[in-house]
Amino acid sequence: MSGSTAAPEKPAQLDERLVHTSPLRKLLGRPELGSVVGAVAVFLFFAIVADSFLQASSFGTVLYAASVLGIMAAPVALLMIGGEFDLSAGVLVTSSALISSMFSYQMTANVWVGVLVSLLVTLAIGAFNGFMLTRTKLPSFIITLGTFLMLTGLNLGFTKLISGTVSTKAIGDMEGFDSAHALFASTLTVGSVEFKVTILWWIALVAVATWILLRTRFGNWIFAVGGQADAARAVGVPVVRTKIGLYLGVAFAAWISGQHLLFSYDVVQSGEGVGNELTYIIAAVIGGCLITGGYGSAIGSAVGAFIFGMTSKGIVYAEWNPDWFKFFLGAMLLLATLLNAWVRKRAEATT
């Protein structure tokens, strides 16, 4: 018999990149989903227990508290997505302010000279962290802990050596102070509500960080080195350049925060900033960043910072003992981490 029955052809498999993804699946896959749910819960809670929480003036105060943290939380989140930590970030803010203040005062120069010198030195410290990390292969915890201790000692030692006290001299009457104050520490009035300029800095940094993560090659590199650095290096990702760049981002944000600290109060206490680095990490983790790297978002860090702002000020508006703040912060960290883990499992179960 000449005729034969042809075997049925197997249906071609559809490229997974072309598979339609439902809006619900996309939503469940967002790192910041858990933190958004938490932010809504915190907002409703303090709206009920604190009468003044919903006042317009209170909103400006909450945003200011969130922005001071959020400016640093955004680059710290990118660094964590890249699989690293920076335990020196808190004291680096103080170092930046001290350099600006003491250089301007001692050189009797325009304060903008001190500001620019501070930028260069702060970026150099960030580059040092990244260089030491990539050259020594030591954990970032050890590298930046060493930097933290060195900066803590330098901040106190140099301030007492130059000023004779633990705080800097006032520079409010120096040339350029008013313009620097306008850029880093001014207050904007919208209607009857006052907003600090740090809120604009915060929004700008989160927007840039989000654009970098989602729209640039460097953003792909960040996720790659955070997920598996050796595999990323094998496919041509410049791991060293990426990690140094992330530390430079943290240093730049520390410079902005340091200038805000200086030009808000005119003087700087050399012991400030210790412990703040943990708060930056907490905001990033609450916002959905994984401790292990490779997952997270800058928007999530902003939500985490907003939760921090609502909690810190909501306790005051509720007229509770502020000593309870750290308890609430720790509870939020645990709850947000558990919620983020649950959301991730739900997202993976739907794929």
C-alpha atoms as a PDB file:
ATOM      1  CA  MET A   1       0.000   0.000   0.000  1.00  0.00           C
ATOM      2  CA  SER A   2       1.675   3.186  -1.209  1.00  0.00           C
ATOM      3  CA  GLY A   3      -0.146   5.675   0.983  1.00  0.00           C
ATOM      4  CA  SER A   4       0.900   6.210   4.601  1.00  0.00           C
ATOM      5  CA  THR A   5      -0.604   8.168   7.413  1.00  0.00           C
ATOM      6  CA  ALA A   6       1.509  11.172   8.398  1.00  0.00           C
ATOM      7  CA  ALA A   7       2.159  11.693  12.067  1.00  0.00           C
ATOM      8  CA  PRO A   8       0.218  14.656  13.422  1.00  0.00           C
ATOM      9  CA  GLU A   9       2.337  17.752  13.847  1.00  0.00           C
ATOM     10  CA  LYS A  10       2.933  18.981  17.387  1.00  0.00           C
ATOM     11  CA  PRO A  11       1.529  22.423  18.018  1.00  0.00           C
ATOM     12  CA  ALA A  12       4.257  25.030  18.098  1.00  0.00           C
ATOM     13  CA  GLN A  13       4.997  26.308  21.582  1.00  0.00           C
ATOM     14  CA  LEU A  14       4.334  29.975  22.079  1.00  0.00           C
ATOM     15  CA  ASP A  15       7.287  32.065  23.181  1.00  0.00           C
ATOM     16  CA  GLU A  16       6.760  32.796  26.887  1.00  0.00           C
ATOM     17  CA  ARG A  17       7.636  36.432  26.228  1.00  0.00           C
ATOM     18  CA  LEU A  18       4.524  36.683  24.047  1.00  0.00           C
ATOM     19  CA  VAL A  19       2.173  35.057  26.541  1.00  0.00           C
ATOM     20  CA  HIS A  20      -0.516  37.453  27.701  1.00  0.00           C
ATOM     21  CA  THR A  21      -0.129  38.398  31.362  1.00  0.00           C
ATOM     22  CA  SER A  22      -3.255  39.414  33.216  1.00  0.00           C
ATOM     23  CA  PRO A  23      -3.320  42.727  35.105  1.00  0.00           C
ATOM     24  CA  LEU A  24      -3.811  40.810  38.381  1.00  0.00           C
ATOM     25  CA  ARG A  25      -0.697  38.732  37.759  1.00  0.00           C
ATOM     26  CA  LYS A  26       1.297  41.862  36.957  1.00  0.00           C
ATOM     27  CA  LEU A  27       0.023  43.510  40.142  1.00  0.00           C
ATOM     28  CA  LEU A  28       0.922  40.513  42.290  1.00  0.00           C
ATOM     29  CA  GLY A  29       4.388  40.524  40.795  1.00  0.00           C
ATOM     30  CA  ARG A  30       5.167  44.088  41.880  1.00  0.00           C
ATOM     31  CA  PRO A  31       7.695  44.238  44.778  1.00  0.00           C
ATOM     32  CA  GLU A  32       6.002  47.207  46.414  1.00  0.00           C
ATOM     33  CA  LEU A  33       2.498  45.700  46.586  1.00  0.00           C
ATOM     34  CA  GLY A  34       2.873  44.524  50.178  1.00  0.00           C
ATOM     35  CA  SER A  35       4.188  47.902  51.325  1.00  0.00           C
ATOM     36  CA  VAL A  36       1.297  49.735  49.635  1.00  0.00           C
ATOM     37  CA  VAL A  37      -1.182  47.542  51.519  1.00  0.00           C
ATOM     38  CA  GLY A  38       0.738  48.270  54.717  1.00  0.00           C
ATOM     39  CA  ALA A  39       0.762  52.022  54.029  1.00  0.00           C
ATOM     40  CA  VAL A  40      -3.010  52.045  53.582  1.00  0.00           C
ATOM     41  CA  ALA A  41      -3.432  50.144  56.858  1.00  0.00           C
ATOM     42  CA  VAL A  42      -1.115  52.527  58.760  1.00  0.00           C
ATOM     43  CA  PHE A  43      -2.882  55.573  57.286  1.00  0.00           C
ATOM     44  CA  LEU A  44      -6.329  54.312  58.271  1.00  0.00           C
ATOM     45  CA  PHE A  45      -5.103  53.364  61.743  1.00  0.00           C
ATOM     46  CA  PHE A  46      -3.725  56.804  62.605  1.00  0.00           C
ATOM     47  CA  ALA A  47      -6.645  58.539  60.883  1.00  0.00           C
ATOM     48  CA  ILE A  48      -8.870  56.805  63.435  1.00  0.00           C
ATOM     49  CA  VAL A  49      -6.762  57.128  66.599  1.00  0.00           C
ATOM     50  CA  ALA A  50      -5.309  60.634  66.012  1.00  0.00           C
ATOM     51  CA  ASP A  51      -7.738  63.454  65.244  1.00  0.00           C
ATOM     52  CA  SER A  52      -5.064  65.878  63.992  1.00  0.00           C
ATOM     53  CA  PHE A  53      -3.493  63.299  61.659  1.00  0.00           C
ATOM     54  CA  LEU A  54      -5.799  64.246  58.768  1.00  0.00           C
ATOM     55  CA  GLN A  55      -5.135  67.981  59.018  1.00  0.00           C
ATOM     56  CA  ALA A  56      -3.424  69.562  56.002  1.00  0.00           C
ATOM     57  CA  SER A  57      -0.540  70.870  58.113  1.00  0.00           C
ATOM     58  CA  SER A  58       0.053  67.377  59.460  1.00  0.00           C
ATOM     59  CA  PHE A  59       0.344  66.033  55.923  1.00  0.00           C
ATOM     60  CA  GLY A  60       3.239  68.401  55.208  1.00  0.00           C
ATOM     61  CA  THR A  61       4.997  67.294  58.406  1.00  0.00           C
ATOM     62  CA  VAL A  62       4.548  63.601  57.569  1.00  0.00           C
ATOM     63  CA  LEU A  63       5.913  64.114  54.058  1.00  0.00           C
ATOM     64  CA  TYR A  64       8.940  65.952  55.423  1.00  0.00           C
ATOM     65  CA  ALA A  65       9.767  63.125  57.835  1.00  0.00           C
ATOM     66  CA  ALA A  66       9.338  60.643  54.980  1.00  0.00           C
ATOM     67  CA  SER A  67      11.467  62.670  52.559  1.00  0.00           C
ATOM     68  CA  VAL A  68      14.460  62.964  54.907  1.00  0.00           C
ATOM     69  CA  LEU A  69      14.530  59.172  55.092  1.00  0.00           C
ATOM     70  CA  GLY A  70      13.392  58.561  51.519  1.00  0.00           C
ATOM     71  CA  ILE A  71      16.252  60.517  49.929  1.00  0.00           C
ATOM     72  CA  MET A  72      18.644  57.913  51.296  1.00  0.00           C
ATOM     73  CA  ALA A  73      16.302  54.925  51.072  1.00  0.00           C
ATOM     74  CA  ALA A  74      16.057  55.092  47.256  1.00  0.00           C
ATOM     75  CA  PRO A  75      19.774  54.559  46.463  1.00  0.00           C
ATOM     76  CA  VAL A  76      20.076  52.131  49.393  1.00  0.00           C
ATOM     77  CA  ALA A  77      17.253  50.110  47.805  1.00  0.00           C
ATOM     78  CA  LEU A  78      19.143  50.002  44.487  1.00  0.00           C
ATOM     79  CA  LEU A  79      22.263  48.896  46.350  1.00  0.00           C
ATOM     80  CA  MET A  80      20.311  46.120  48.073  1.00  0.00           C
ATOM     81  CA  ILE A  81      18.814  44.999  44.767  1.00  0.00           C
ATOM     82  CA  GLY A  82      22.428  44.784  43.619  1.00  0.00           C
ATOM     83  CA  GLY A  83      23.093  42.420  46.522  1.00  0.00           C
ATOM     84  CA  GLU A  84      25.075  44.758  48.812  1.00  0.00           C
ATOM     85  CA  PHE A  85      24.724  46.884  51.968  1.00  0.00           C
ATOM     86  CA  ASP A  86      26.190  50.182  53.161  1.00  0.00           C
ATOM     87  CA  LEU A  87      26.463  50.464  56.936  1.00  0.00           C
ATOM     88  CA  SER A  88      28.338  53.761  56.603  1.00  0.00           C
ATOM     89  CA  ALA A  89      25.464  55.625  54.925  1.00  0.00           C
ATOM     90  CA  GLY A  90      24.180  57.255  58.133  1.00  0.00           C
ATOM     91  CA  VAL A  91      27.479  58.745  59.285  1.00  0.00           C
ATOM     92  CA  LEU A  92      28.390  59.632  55.690  1.00  0.00           C
ATOM     93  CA  VAL A  93      25.520  62.137  55.754  1.00  0.00           C
ATOM     94  CA  THR A  94      27.072  63.784  58.804  1.00  0.00           C
ATOM     95  CA  SER A  95      30.546  63.664  57.242  1.00  0.00           C
ATOM     96  CA  SER A  96      29.233  65.477  54.185  1.00  0.00           C
ATOM     97  CA  ALA A  97      27.716  68.230  56.322  1.00  0.00           C
ATOM     98  CA  LEU A  98      30.845  68.578  58.469  1.00  0.00           C
ATOM     99  CA  ILE A  99      33.129  68.888  55.430  1.00  0.00           C
ATOM    100  CA  SER A 100      30.975  71.646  53.931  1.00  0.00           C
ATOM    101  CA  SER A 101      30.762  73.563  57.185  1.00  0.00           C
ATOM    102  CA  MET A 102      34.387  73.318  58.350  1.00  0.00           C
ATOM    103  CA  PHE A 103      35.925  73.896  54.923  1.00  0.00           C
ATOM    104  CA  SER A 104      33.793  76.989  54.357  1.00  0.00           C
ATOM    105  CA  TYR A 105      34.474  78.393  57.827  1.00  0.00           C
ATOM    106  CA  GLN A 106      38.211  77.707  57.938  1.00  0.00           C
ATOM    107  CA  MET A 107      38.875  78.888  54.391  1.00  0.00           C
ATOM    108  CA  THR A 108      36.557  81.900  54.881  1.00  0.00           C
ATOM    109  CA  ALA A 109      35.298  81.183  51.411  1.00  0.00           C
ATOM    110  CA  ASN A 110      31.870  81.255  49.806  1.00  0.00           C
ATOM    111  CA  VAL A 111      29.883  78.356  51.270  1.00  0.00           C
ATOM    112  CA  TRP A 112      29.422  76.951  47.770  1.00  0.00           C
ATOM    113  CA  VAL A 113      33.130  76.139  47.729  1.00  0.00           C
ATOM    114  CA  GLY A 114      32.631  73.985  50.808  1.00  0.00           C
ATOM    115  CA  VAL A 115      29.544  72.389  49.242  1.00  0.00           C
ATOM    116  CA  LEU A 116      31.462  71.378  46.105  1.00  0.00           C
ATOM    117  CA  VAL A 117      34.452  70.099  48.096  1.00  0.00           C
ATOM    118  CA  SER A 118      32.022  68.065  50.187  1.00  0.00           C
ATOM    119  CA  LEU A 119      30.524  66.555  47.019  1.00  0.00           C
ATOM    120  CA  LEU A 120      33.935  65.449  45.769  1.00  0.00           C
ATOM    121  CA  VAL A 121      35.006  63.979  49.114  1.00  0.00           C
ATOM    122  CA  THR A 122      31.673  62.223  49.677  1.00  0.00           C
ATOM    123  CA  LEU A 123      31.769  60.650  46.211  1.00  0.00           C
ATOM    124  CA  ALA A 124      35.365  59.582  46.873  1.00  0.00           C
ATOM    125  CA  ILE A 125      34.244  57.774  50.035  1.00  0.00           C
ATOM    126  CA  GLY A 126      31.499  56.027  48.081  1.00  0.00           C
ATOM    127  CA  ALA A 127      34.007  55.018  45.405  1.00  0.00           C
ATOM    128  CA  PHE A 128      36.313  53.730  48.152  1.00  0.00           C
ATOM    129  CA  ASN A 129      33.567  51.460  49.470  1.00  0.00           C
ATOM    130  CA  GLY A 130      32.860  50.081  46.007  1.00  0.00           C
ATOM    131  CA  PHE A 131      36.549  49.684  45.144  1.00  0.00           C
ATOM    132  CA  MET A 132      37.391  47.878  48.383  1.00  0.00           C
ATOM    133  CA  LEU A 133      34.394  45.605  47.961  1.00  0.00           C
ATOM    134  CA  THR A 134      35.279  44.555  44.425  1.00  0.00           C
ATOM    135  CA  ARG A 135      39.036  44.277  45.031  1.00  0.00           C
ATOM    136  CA  THR A 136      39.061  42.402  48.329  1.00  0.00           C
ATOM    137  CA  LYS A 137      35.965  40.226  47.711  1.00  0.00           C
ATOM    138  CA  LEU A 138      35.065  40.734  51.371  1.00  0.00           C
ATOM    139  CA  PRO A 139      31.366  41.024  52.279  1.00  0.00           C
ATOM    140  CA  SER A 140      29.961  44.543  52.020  1.00  0.00           C
ATOM    141  CA  PHE A 141      28.924  44.205  55.674  1.00  0.00           C
ATOM    142  CA  ILE A 142      32.605  44.087  56.711  1.00  0.00           C
ATOM    143  CA  ILE A 143      33.826  46.763  54.278  1.00  0.00           C
ATOM    144  CA  THR A 144      31.179  49.339  55.155  1.00  0.00           C
ATOM    145  CA  LEU A 145      31.300  48.520  58.866  1.00  0.00           C
ATOM    146  CA  GLY A 146      34.972  49.473  58.736  1.00  0.00           C
ATOM    147  CA  THR A 147      34.108  52.685  56.885  1.00  0.00           C
ATOM    148  CA  PHE A 148      31.370  53.391  59.430  1.00  0.00           C
ATOM    149  CA  LEU A 149      33.822  53.142  62.334  1.00  0.00           C
ATOM    150  CA  MET A 150      36.485  55.219  60.582  1.00  0.00           C
ATOM    151  CA  LEU A 151      34.032  57.981  59.655  1.00  0.00           C
ATOM    152  CA  THR A 152      32.567  58.025  63.169  1.00  0.00           C
ATOM    153  CA  GLY A 153      36.035  58.596  64.590  1.00  0.00           C
ATOM    154  CA  LEU A 154      37.031  61.121  61.922  1.00  0.00           C
ATOM    155  CA  ASN A 155      33.819  63.120  62.378  1.00  0.00           C
ATOM    156  CA  LEU A 156      34.425  63.519  66.095  1.00  0.00           C
ATOM    157  CA  GLY A 157      38.211  63.828  65.951  1.00  0.00           C
ATOM    158  CA  PHE A 158      38.421  66.457  63.214  1.00  0.00           C
ATOM    159  CA  THR A 159      35.521  68.487  64.613  1.00  0.00           C
ATOM    160  CA  LYS A 160      37.118  68.717  68.070  1.00  0.00           C
ATOM    161  CA  LEU A 161      40.530  69.378  66.550  1.00  0.00           C
ATOM    162  CA  ILE A 162      39.339  72.231  64.343  1.00  0.00           C
ATOM    163  CA  SER A 163      36.426  73.694  66.304  1.00  0.00           C
ATOM    164  CA  GLY A 164      37.436  72.754  69.838  1.00  0.00           C
ATOM    165  CA  THR A 165      33.952  71.317  70.472  1.00  0.00           C
ATOM    166  CA  VAL A 166      31.791  68.487  69.143  1.00  0.00           C
ATOM    167  CA  SER A 167      29.868  70.846  66.849  1.00  0.00           C
ATOM    168  CA  THR A 168      30.871  73.114  63.969  1.00  0.00           C
ATOM    169  CA  LYS A 169      30.934  76.897  63.977  1.00  0.00           C
ATOM    170  CA  ALA A 170      27.929  78.806  62.620  1.00  0.00           C
ATOM    171  CA  ILE A 171      28.231  79.817  58.948  1.00  0.00           C
ATOM    172  CA  GLY A 172      24.831  81.498  58.583  1.00  0.00           C
ATOM    173  CA  ASP A 173      26.396  84.930  57.936  1.00  0.00           C
ATOM    174  CA  MET A 174      28.737  83.744  55.178  1.00  0.00           C
ATOM    175  CA  GLU A 175      28.376  84.542  51.491  1.00  0.00           C
ATOM    176  CA  GLY A 176      26.274  82.049  49.575  1.00  0.00           C
ATOM    177  CA  PHE A 177      24.465  80.666  52.625  1.00  0.00           C
ATOM    178  CA  ASP A 178      21.057  82.021  51.592  1.00  0.00           C
ATOM    179  CA  SER A 179      21.198  80.533  48.096  1.00  0.00           C
ATOM    180  CA  ALA A 180      22.418  77.182  49.437  1.00  0.00           C
ATOM    181  CA  HIS A 181      19.656  77.240  52.040  1.00  0.00           C
ATOM    182  CA  ALA A 182      17.106  77.862  49.289  1.00  0.00           C
ATOM    183  CA  LEU A 183      18.309  74.812  47.344  1.00  0.00           C
ATOM    184  CA  PHE A 184      18.715  72.340  50.195  1.00  0.00           C
ATOM    185  CA  ALA A 185      16.530  73.498  53.106  1.00  0.00           C
ATOM    186  CA  SER A 186      13.896  75.998  51.977  1.00  0.00           C
ATOM    187  CA  THR A 187      10.163  75.774  52.683  1.00  0.00           C
ATOM    188  CA  LEU A 188       7.502  76.009  49.979  1.00  0.00           C
ATOM    189  CA  THR A 189       3.988  77.192  50.849  1.00  0.00           C
ATOM    190  CA  VAL A 190       1.053  75.749  48.930  1.00  0.00           C
ATOM    191  CA  GLY A 191      -2.170  77.265  50.171  1.00  0.00           C
ATOM    192  CA  SER A 192      -1.906  77.025  53.940  1.00  0.00           C
ATOM    193  CA  VAL A 193       0.406  74.018  53.931  1.00  0.00           C
ATOM    194  CA  GLU A 194       4.185  74.237  54.180  1.00  0.00           C
ATOM    195  CA  PHE A 195       6.334  71.715  52.326  1.00  0.00           C
ATOM    196  CA  LYS A 196      10.083  71.314  52.684  1.00  0.00           C
ATOM    197  CA  VAL A 197      12.171  71.285  49.516  1.00  0.00           C
ATOM    198  CA  THR A 198      13.477  67.854  50.533  1.00  0.00           C
ATOM    199  CA  ILE A 199      10.151  66.460  49.307  1.00  0.00           C
ATOM    200  CA  LEU A 200      11.054  67.585  45.767  1.00  0.00           C
ATOM    201  CA  TRP A 201      14.537  66.081  46.100  1.00  0.00           C
ATOM    202  CA  TRP A 202      12.934  62.833  47.281  1.00  0.00           C
ATOM    203  CA  ILE A 203      10.474  62.659  44.388  1.00  0.00           C
ATOM    204  CA  ALA A 204      13.225  63.430  41.887  1.00  0.00           C
ATOM    205  CA  LEU A 205      15.581  60.757  43.241  1.00  0.00           C
ATOM    206  CA  VAL A 206      12.848  58.095  43.310  1.00  0.00           C
ATOM    207  CA  ALA A 207      11.852  58.978  39.742  1.00  0.00           C
ATOM    208  CA  VAL A 208      15.455  58.776  38.504  1.00  0.00           C
ATOM    209  CA  ALA A 209      16.075  55.524  40.401  1.00  0.00           C
ATOM    210  CA  THR A 210      12.905  53.988  38.958  1.00  0.00           C
ATOM    211  CA  TRP A 211      13.864  55.059  35.443  1.00  0.00           C
ATOM    212  CA  ILE A 212      17.330  53.559  35.886  1.00  0.00           C
ATOM    213  CA  LEU A 213      15.917  50.246  37.132  1.00  0.00           C
ATOM    214  CA  LEU A 214      13.201  49.821  34.538  1.00  0.00           C
ATOM    215  CA  ARG A 215      14.392  51.656  31.436  1.00  0.00           C
ATOM    216  CA  THR A 216      18.184  51.407  31.248  1.00  0.00           C
ATOM    217  CA  ARG A 217      20.849  48.782  30.674  1.00  0.00           C
ATOM    218  CA  PHE A 218      22.388  49.720  34.008  1.00  0.00           C
ATOM    219  CA  GLY A 219      19.118  48.730  35.686  1.00  0.00           C
ATOM    220  CA  ASN A 220      19.339  45.282  34.102  1.00  0.00           C
ATOM    221  CA  TRP A 221      22.895  45.027  35.389  1.00  0.00           C
ATOM    222  CA  ILE A 222      21.736  45.873  38.929  1.00  0.00           C
ATOM    223  CA  PHE A 223      19.199  43.035  38.949  1.00  0.00           C
ATOM    224  CA  ALA A 224      21.738  40.685  37.365  1.00  0.00           C
ATOM    225  CA  VAL A 225      24.553  41.272  39.873  1.00  0.00           C
ATOM    226  CA  GLY A 226      22.077  41.079  42.755  1.00  0.00           C
ATOM    227  CA  GLY A 227      20.648  37.789  41.568  1.00  0.00           C
ATOM    228  CA  GLN A 228      23.933  36.024  40.798  1.00  0.00           C
ATOM    229  CA  ALA A 229      27.104  38.038  40.286  1.00  0.00           C
ATOM    230  CA  ASP A 230      29.167  35.187  38.819  1.00  0.00           C
ATOM    231  CA  ALA A 231      26.505  34.334  36.254  1.00  0.00           C
ATOM    232  CA  ALA A 232      26.132  38.024  35.394  1.00  0.00           C
ATOM    233  CA  ARG A 233      29.888  38.340  34.881  1.00  0.00           C
ATOM    234  CA  ALA A 234      29.833  35.284  32.613  1.00  0.00           C
ATOM    235  CA  VAL A 235      27.370  36.936  30.228  1.00  0.00           C
ATOM    236  CA  GLY A 236      29.316  40.199  30.058  1.00  0.00           C
ATOM    237  CA  VAL A 237      27.799  42.326  32.823  1.00  0.00           C
ATOM    238  CA  PRO A 238      30.429  44.762  34.214  1.00  0.00           C
ATOM    239  CA  VAL A 239      30.006  43.726  37.845  1.00  0.00           C
ATOM    240  CA  VAL A 240      32.784  45.942  39.227  1.00  0.00           C
ATOM    241  CA  ARG A 241      31.553  49.069  37.454  1.00  0.00           C
ATOM    242  CA  THR A 242      27.960  48.372  38.485  1.00  0.00           C
ATOM    243  CA  LYS A 243      28.712  47.965  42.186  1.00  0.00           C
ATOM    244  CA  ILE A 244      30.969  51.012  42.341  1.00  0.00           C
ATOM    245  CA  GLY A 245      28.232  52.987  40.590  1.00  0.00           C
ATOM    246  CA  LEU A 246      25.699  51.891  43.205  1.00  0.00           C
ATOM    247  CA  TYR A 247      27.949  53.069  46.035  1.00  0.00           C
ATOM    248  CA  LEU A 248      28.429  56.380  44.236  1.00  0.00           C
ATOM    249  CA  GLY A 249      24.636  56.720  44.141  1.00  0.00           C
ATOM    250  CA  VAL A 250      24.422  56.251  47.905  1.00  0.00           C
ATOM    251  CA  ALA A 251      27.210  58.809  48.386  1.00  0.00           C
ATOM    252  CA  PHE A 252      25.452  61.372  46.186  1.00  0.00           C
ATOM    253  CA  ALA A 253      22.239  61.028  48.196  1.00  0.00           C
ATOM    254  CA  ALA A 254      24.286  61.316  51.414  1.00  0.00           C
ATOM    255  CA  TRP A 255      25.717  64.593  50.099  1.00  0.00           C
ATOM    256  CA  ILE A 256      22.208  65.965  49.457  1.00  0.00           C
ATOM    257  CA  SER A 257      21.051  64.890  52.924  1.00  0.00           C
ATOM    258  CA  GLY A 258      24.183  66.330  54.514  1.00  0.00           C
ATOM    259  CA  GLN A 259      23.677  69.720  52.908  1.00  0.00           C
ATOM    260  CA  HIS A 260      20.073  69.732  54.078  1.00  0.00           C
ATOM    261  CA  LEU A 261      21.253  68.973  57.607  1.00  0.00           C
ATOM    262  CA  LEU A 262      23.800  71.795  57.529  1.00  0.00           C
ATOM    263  CA  PHE A 263      21.681  74.501  55.931  1.00  0.00           C
ATOM    264  CA  SER A 264      18.635  73.681  58.053  1.00  0.00           C
ATOM    265  CA  TYR A 265      20.415  74.174  61.391  1.00  0.00           C
ATOM    266  CA  ASP A 266      23.526  76.206  60.475  1.00  0.00           C
ATOM    267  CA  VAL A 267      25.685  73.992  62.724  1.00  0.00           C
ATOM    268  CA  VAL A 268      26.305  70.242  62.751  1.00  0.00           C
ATOM    269  CA  GLN A 269      26.824  67.902  65.699  1.00  0.00           C
ATOM    270  CA  SER A 270      29.633  65.467  64.910  1.00  0.00           C
ATOM    271  CA  GLY A 271      27.910  62.499  66.546  1.00  0.00           C
ATOM    272  CA  GLU A 272      24.766  62.614  64.426  1.00  0.00           C
ATOM    273  CA  GLY A 273      23.822  59.938  61.922  1.00  0.00           C
ATOM    274  CA  VAL A 274      24.824  56.857  63.906  1.00  0.00           C
ATOM    275  CA  GLY A 275      22.084  54.234  63.520  1.00  0.00           C
ATOM    276  CA  ASN A 276      20.331  55.913  60.601  1.00  0.00           C
ATOM    277  CA  GLU A 277      21.801  53.401  58.162  1.00  0.00           C
ATOM    278  CA  LEU A 278      19.579  50.706  59.684  1.00  0.00           C
ATOM    279  CA  THR A 279      16.530  52.892  59.158  1.00  0.00           C
ATOM    280  CA  TYR A 280      17.383  53.270  55.464  1.00  0.00           C
ATOM    281  CA  ILE A 281      17.665  49.496  55.144  1.00  0.00           C
ATOM    282  CA  ILE A 282      14.385  49.009  57.020  1.00  0.00           C
ATOM    283  CA  ALA A 283      12.575  51.373  54.639  1.00  0.00           C
ATOM    284  CA  ALA A 284      13.935  49.454  51.647  1.00  0.00           C
ATOM    285  CA  VAL A 285      12.957  46.070  53.142  1.00  0.00           C
ATOM    286  CA  ILE A 286       9.469  47.299  54.062  1.00  0.00           C
ATOM    287  CA  GLY A 287       9.241  48.482  50.443  1.00  0.00           C
ATOM    288  CA  GLY A 288       9.841  44.971  49.127  1.00  0.00           C
ATOM    289  CA  CYS A 289      13.615  44.661  48.706  1.00  0.00           C
ATOM    290  CA  LEU A 290      15.055  41.251  49.524  1.00  0.00           C
ATOM    291  CA  ILE A 291      18.029  40.970  51.852  1.00  0.00           C
ATOM    292  CA  THR A 292      19.499  38.463  49.393  1.00  0.00           C
ATOM    293  CA  GLY A 293      19.389  40.936  46.479  1.00  0.00           C
ATOM    294  CA  GLY A 294      17.990  40.737  42.980  1.00  0.00           C
ATOM    295  CA  TYR A 295      14.472  41.919  43.849  1.00  0.00           C
ATOM    296  CA  GLY A 296      12.889  45.216  44.835  1.00  0.00           C
ATOM    297  CA  SER A 297      12.007  48.678  43.580  1.00  0.00           C
ATOM    298  CA  ALA A 298      12.732  52.344  44.239  1.00  0.00           C
ATOM    299  CA  ILE A 299       9.013  53.072  44.493  1.00  0.00           C
ATOM    300  CA  GLY A 300       8.796  50.493  47.258  1.00  0.00           C
ATOM    301  CA  SER A 301      11.497  52.333  49.199  1.00  0.00           C
ATOM    302  CA  ALA A 302       9.409  55.510  48.892  1.00  0.00           C
ATOM    303  CA  VAL A 303       6.372  53.710  50.290  1.00  0.00           C
ATOM    304  CA  GLY A 304       8.524  52.337  53.109  1.00  0.00           C
ATOM    305  CA  ALA A 305       9.754  55.843  53.906  1.00  0.00           C
ATOM    306  CA  PHE A 306       6.170  57.142  53.833  1.00  0.00           C
ATOM    307  CA  ILE A 307       5.128  54.453  56.322  1.00  0.00           C
ATOM    308  CA  PHE A 308       8.022  55.572  58.531  1.00  0.00           C
ATOM    309  CA  GLY A 309       6.874  59.200  58.287  1.00  0.00           C
ATOM    310  CA  MET A 310       3.267  58.342  59.112  1.00  0.00           C
ATOM    311  CA  THR A 311       4.281  56.216  62.087  1.00  0.00           C
ATOM    312  CA  SER A 312       6.807  58.643  63.579  1.00  0.00           C
ATOM    313  CA  LYS A 313       4.415  61.594  63.380  1.00  0.00           C
ATOM    314  CA  GLY A 314       1.219  59.620  63.949  1.00  0.00           C
ATOM    315  CA  ILE A 315       2.462  58.560  67.380  1.00  0.00           C
ATOM    316  CA  VAL A 316       2.998  62.226  68.246  1.00  0.00           C
ATOM    317  CA  TYR A 317      -0.435  63.264  66.939  1.00  0.00           C
ATOM    318  CA  ALA A 318      -2.026  60.414  68.899  1.00  0.00           C
ATOM    319  CA  GLU A 319      -0.230  61.785  71.992  1.00  0.00           C
ATOM    320  CA  TRP A 320       1.406  58.463  72.749  1.00  0.00           C
ATOM    321  CA  ASN A 321       4.754  57.989  74.402  1.00  0.00           C
ATOM    322  CA  PRO A 322       7.337  58.308  71.570  1.00  0.00           C
ATOM    323  CA  ASP A 323       9.420  55.638  73.285  1.00  0.00           C
ATOM    324  CA  TRP A 324       7.105  53.141  71.589  1.00  0.00           C
ATOM    325  CA  PHE A 325       8.199  54.225  68.122  1.00  0.00           C
ATOM    326  CA  LYS A 326      10.983  51.644  67.789  1.00  0.00           C
ATOM    327  CA  PHE A 327       8.530  48.919  68.785  1.00  0.00           C
ATOM    328  CA  PHE A 328       6.143  49.933  66.014  1.00  0.00           C
ATOM    329  CA  LEU A 329       9.020  50.191  63.546  1.00  0.00           C
ATOM    330  CA  GLY A 330      10.191  46.673  64.371  1.00  0.00           C
ATOM    331  CA  ALA A 331       6.652  45.302  64.165  1.00  0.00           C
ATOM    332  CA  MET A 332       6.147  46.948  60.767  1.00  0.00           C
ATOM    333  CA  LEU A 333       9.412  45.448  59.533  1.00  0.00           C
ATOM    334  CA  LEU A 334       8.333  41.936  60.477  1.00  0.00           C
ATOM    335  CA  LEU A 335       4.785  42.316  59.186  1.00  0.00           C
ATOM    336  CA  ALA A 336       5.903  43.904  55.917  1.00  0.00           C
ATOM    337  CA  THR A 337       8.476  41.165  55.338  1.00  0.00           C
ATOM    338  CA  LEU A 338       5.888  38.451  55.946  1.00  0.00           C
ATOM    339  CA  LEU A 339       3.357  40.209  53.721  1.00  0.00           C
ATOM    340  CA  ASN A 340       5.901  40.683  50.936  1.00  0.00           C
ATOM    341  CA  ALA A 341       6.849  36.988  51.151  1.00  0.00           C
ATOM    342  CA  TRP A 342       3.184  35.981  50.933  1.00  0.00           C
ATOM    343  CA  VAL A 343       2.609  38.242  47.925  1.00  0.00           C
ATOM    344  CA  ARG A 344       5.641  36.762  46.162  1.00  0.00           C
ATOM    345  CA  LYS A 345       4.383  33.231  46.749  1.00  0.00           C
ATOM    346  CA  ARG A 346       0.958  34.166  45.384  1.00  0.00           C
ATOM    347  CA  ALA A 347       2.592  35.740  42.344  1.00  0.00           C
ATOM    348  CA  GLU A 348       4.715  32.656  41.706  1.00  0.00           C
ATOM    349  CA  ALA A 349       1.699  30.379  42.154  1.00  0.00           C
ATOM    350  CA  THR A 350      -0.193  32.203  39.395  1.00  0.00           C
ATOM    351  CA  THR A 351       2.628  31.945  36.844  1.00  0.00           C
END
